Amino acid sequence: MSDITWVIVANGERARVFQTQGLALDLQEMEDLVNTAGRGTGLTDKEAEVLDRGEQKEKLEAKFSKRVADYLEQGRLHQKYHRLIIAAEAKFLGMVRADLSEETQRLIFEGVSDDFSELDVVEIQKRLRKER
């Protein structure tokens, strides 16, 4: 398998997964994960009853972080990439990192505390190049 990098741009609502050869940043979008739990409550009845809006949002983001981390873990286990670049809103970046195994954390080449999830691919590439 060739040298593949996955680039993840994310926030608590959305995580876009791109692939590139090596570190070229010629991004090809592979997946667009959306936090659909926010459309319903995504919480148990008890959680929805006892948590205020801010706590509910945080709980939903934590569940989405685990979903993103699971996706990255599966990619690593199936040897779909060799390194990761993660650009995410600072709090969400920390959540995702905390949910990753040590093996997957070692594949993080770069972590950027910025939310690029709503930008087009050309702008994402420009911003990531500026970070280097």
Foldseek 3Di string as FASTA:
>chain_A
DAAKEWEWFDELFKIWIWIDGHPPLPTDTDDIDGLCCVVPQVDDPVCVVPDDPVVSSVVSSLVVLLVVQVVLVVCVVVVVHQAYEYEYAQVSLVSNLVNHDPVRNVRYPYYHNHHCPPPDSVVVSVVVVVVD
